[in-house]
């Protein structure tokens, strides 16, 4: 009887030892699985944080590019003055009046041709008293010389 109780105690001891070992192993496995899940979750959060940082950096870079571009546009606007624009418009307007004057003279062209066919010279162009230049023509010297030749031709 004593031997069977000793044998039973040894058997119980081995069973308890095996169960304890199994519990330790299960605990270690659960910790490892827990760490893996926690590690995966942490890795996912780190990856998400990296993506957010990259997106923020990209947005900041685009913001700087846009700001630089806007600053450049403002600098360009500030560099051109209203006076320059006004002077340009005045030049354009004065050019258009010269153009109108030229077309007015072109309307007289058929009459000039008829007079030439009759043997008459076209009338000379006058020189403006205000600026000593011929109205639509640049070379006043030539115009004055032509007018002089026309007068001599009439006297002849």
Protein backbone atom coordinates (compact mmCIF):
# COMPACT_ATOMS: atom_id res chain seq x y z
CA UNK A 1 0.00 0.00 0.00
CA UNK A 2 2.75 2.42 0.82
CA UNK A 3 4.46 1.59 -2.42
CA UNK A 4 1.31 2.30 -4.40
CA UNK A 5 0.88 5.63 -2.61
CA UNK A 6 4.49 6.53 -3.36
CA UNK A 7 3.95 5.50 -6.96
CA UNK A 8 0.74 7.54 -7.08
CA UNK A 9 2.51 10.59 -5.62
CA UNK A 10 5.33 10.28 -8.16
CA UNK A 11 2.79 10.01 -10.94
CA UNK A 12 0.89 13.01 -9.62
CA UNK A 13 4.16 14.90 -9.29
CA UNK A 14 5.07 14.10 -12.91
CA UNK A 15 1.59 15.11 -14.06
CA UNK A 16 1.75 18.38 -12.13
CA UNK A 17 5.26 18.97 -13.43
CA UNK A 18 4.06 18.39 -17.01
CA UNK A 19 1.04 20.63 -16.49
CA UNK A 20 3.25 23.37 -15.04
CA UNK A 21 5.61 23.05 -17.96
CA UNK A 22 2.65 23.16 -20.38
CA UNK A 23 1.29 26.26 -18.63
CA UNK A 24 4.70 27.95 -18.84
CA UNK A 25 4.95 27.09 -22.51
CA UNK A 26 1.40 28.32 -23.17
CA UNK A 27 2.19 31.54 -21.32
CA UNK A 28 5.34 32.07 -23.36
CA UNK A 29 3.46 31.34 -26.59
CA UNK A 30 0.68 33.76 -25.61
CA UNK A 31 3.25 36.44 -24.73
CA UNK A 32 4.98 35.92 -28.06
CA UNK A 33 1.70 36.11 -29.94
CA UNK A 34 0.76 39.16 -27.90
CA UNK A 35 4.11 40.78 -28.66
CA UNK A 36 3.74 39.96 -32.31
CA UNK A 37 0.31 41.56 -32.40
CA UNK A 38 1.51 44.51 -30.38
CA UNK A 39 4.60 44.72 -32.54
CA UNK A 40 2.47 44.58 -35.68
CA UNK A 41 0.17 47.25 -34.35
CA UNK A 42 3.13 49.42 -33.37
CA UNK A 43 4.76 48.84 -36.75
CA UNK A 44 1.50 49.77 -38.48
CA UNK A 45 1.27 52.97 -36.42
CA UNK A 46 4.89 53.82 -37.19
CA UNK A 47 4.28 53.22 -40.88
CA UNK A 48 1.14 55.38 -40.75
CA UNK A 49 3.08 58.12 -38.94
CA UNK A 50 5.81 58.00 -41.62
CA UNK A 51 3.17 58.38 -44.35
CA UNK A 52 1.60 61.34 -42.56
CA UNK A 53 5.01 62.98 -42.13
CA UNK A 54 5.77 62.44 -45.83
CA UNK A 55 2.41 63.96 -46.80
CA UNK A 56 3.01 66.94 -44.51
CA UNK A 57 6.48 67.45 -45.99
CA UNK A 58 5.06 67.33 -49.51
CA UNK A 59 2.33 69.82 -48.60
CA UNK A 60 4.90 72.15 -47.03
CA UNK A 61 7.14 71.94 -50.11
CA UNK A 62 4.20 72.72 -52.40
CA UNK A 63 3.26 75.60 -50.12
CA UNK A 64 6.77 77.02 -50.39
CA UNK A 65 6.73 76.67 -54.17
CA UNK A 66 3.38 78.41 -54.37
CA UNK A 67 4.53 81.14 -52.00
CA UNK A 68 7.71 81.69 -54.02
CA UNK A 69 5.65 81.85 -57.20
CA UNK A 70 3.22 84.36 -55.67
CA UNK A 71 6.09 86.46 -54.34
CA UNK A 72 7.60 86.47 -57.82
CA UNK A 73 4.31 87.59 -59.34
CA UNK A 74 3.95 90.38 -56.81
CA UNK A 75 7.53 91.49 -57.44
CA UNK A 76 6.81 91.54 -61.17
CA UNK A 77 3.67 93.57 -60.60
CA UNK A 78 5.55 96.01 -58.40
CA UNK A 79 8.37 96.38 -60.92
CA UNK A 80 6.07 97.57 -63.71
CA UNK A 81 4.80 101.02 -62.98
CA UNK A 82 1.53 102.61 -63.92
CA UNK A 83 3.50 105.41 -65.57
CA UNK A 84 5.15 102.94 -67.95
CA UNK A 85 1.77 101.49 -68.87
CA UNK A 86 0.34 104.97 -69.42
CA UNK A 87 3.28 105.99 -71.61
CA UNK A 88 2.86 102.82 -73.65
CA UNK A 89 -0.84 103.53 -74.15
CA UNK A 90 -0.07 107.09 -75.22
CA UNK A 91 2.47 105.83 -77.75
CA UNK A 92 -0.05 103.36 -79.10
CA UNK A 93 -2.70 106.07 -79.38
CA UNK A 94 -0.36 108.48 -81.12
CA UNK A 95 0.62 105.67 -83.48
CA UNK A 96 -3.01 105.06 -84.31
CA UNK A 97 -3.56 108.76 -85.14
CA UNK A 98 -0.57 108.64 -87.48
CA UNK A 99 -2.06 105.54 -89.01
CA UNK A 100 -5.39 107.30 -89.47
CA UNK A 101 -3.58 110.24 -91.06
CA UNK A 102 -1.80 107.87 -93.43
CA UNK A 103 -5.10 106.33 -94.53
CA UNK A 104 -6.58 109.79 -95.02
CA UNK A 105 -3.72 110.52 -97.40
CA UNK A 106 -4.28 107.19 -99.13
CA UNK A 107 -7.85 108.29 -99.86
CA UNK A 108 -6.33 111.18 -101.82
CA UNK A 109 -4.23 108.76 -103.89
CA UNK A 110 -6.65 108.48 -106.85
CA UNK A 111 -6.75 112.30 -107.14
CA UNK A 112 -2.95 112.48 -107.08
CA UNK A 113 -2.78 109.84 -109.83
CA UNK A 114 -5.23 111.81 -111.98
CA UNK A 115 -3.17 114.99 -111.48
CA UNK A 116 0.03 113.15 -112.44
CA UNK A 117 -1.60 111.93 -115.63
CA UNK A 118 -2.43 115.55 -116.43
CA UNK A 119 1.25 116.40 -115.91
CA UNK A 120 0.80 118.03 -112.50
CA UNK A 121 3.06 117.24 -109.58
CA UNK A 122 1.45 116.22 -106.29
CA UNK A 123 1.29 118.93 -103.66
CA UNK A 124 4.23 119.10 -101.27
CA UNK A 125 3.91 118.08 -97.67
CA UNK A 126 4.06 120.81 -95.11
CA UNK A 127 6.39 120.95 -92.15
CA UNK A 128 4.80 121.35 -88.75
CA UNK A 129 5.80 124.59 -87.05
CA UNK A 130 5.62 123.07 -83.57
CA UNK A 131 8.27 120.39 -83.96
CA UNK A 132 9.81 121.03 -87.39
CA UNK A 133 9.04 117.52 -88.62
CA UNK A 134 6.79 116.41 -91.43
CA UNK A 135 3.57 115.02 -90.04
CA UNK A 136 3.64 111.35 -90.96
CA UNK A 137 7.17 111.29 -92.37
CA UNK A 138 10.39 110.89 -90.48
CA UNK A 139 12.93 112.61 -92.73
CA UNK A 140 12.03 116.31 -92.82
CA UNK A 141 15.20 117.20 -94.75
CA UNK A 142 14.11 115.15 -97.73
CA UNK A 143 10.62 116.61 -97.55
CA UNK A 144 11.97 120.16 -97.47
CA UNK A 145 14.22 119.40 -100.44
CA UNK A 146 11.29 117.91 -102.36
CA UNK A 147 9.16 120.98 -101.61
CA UNK A 148 11.98 123.21 -102.87
CA UNK A 149 12.24 121.17 -106.09
CA UNK A 150 8.47 121.44 -106.57
CA UNK A 151 8.64 125.24 -106.25
CA UNK A 152 11.47 125.39 -108.79
CA UNK A 153 9.50 123.13 -111.14
CA UNK A 154 6.51 125.49 -110.90
CA UNK A 155 8.69 128.52 -111.60
CA UNK A 156 10.31 126.84 -114.56
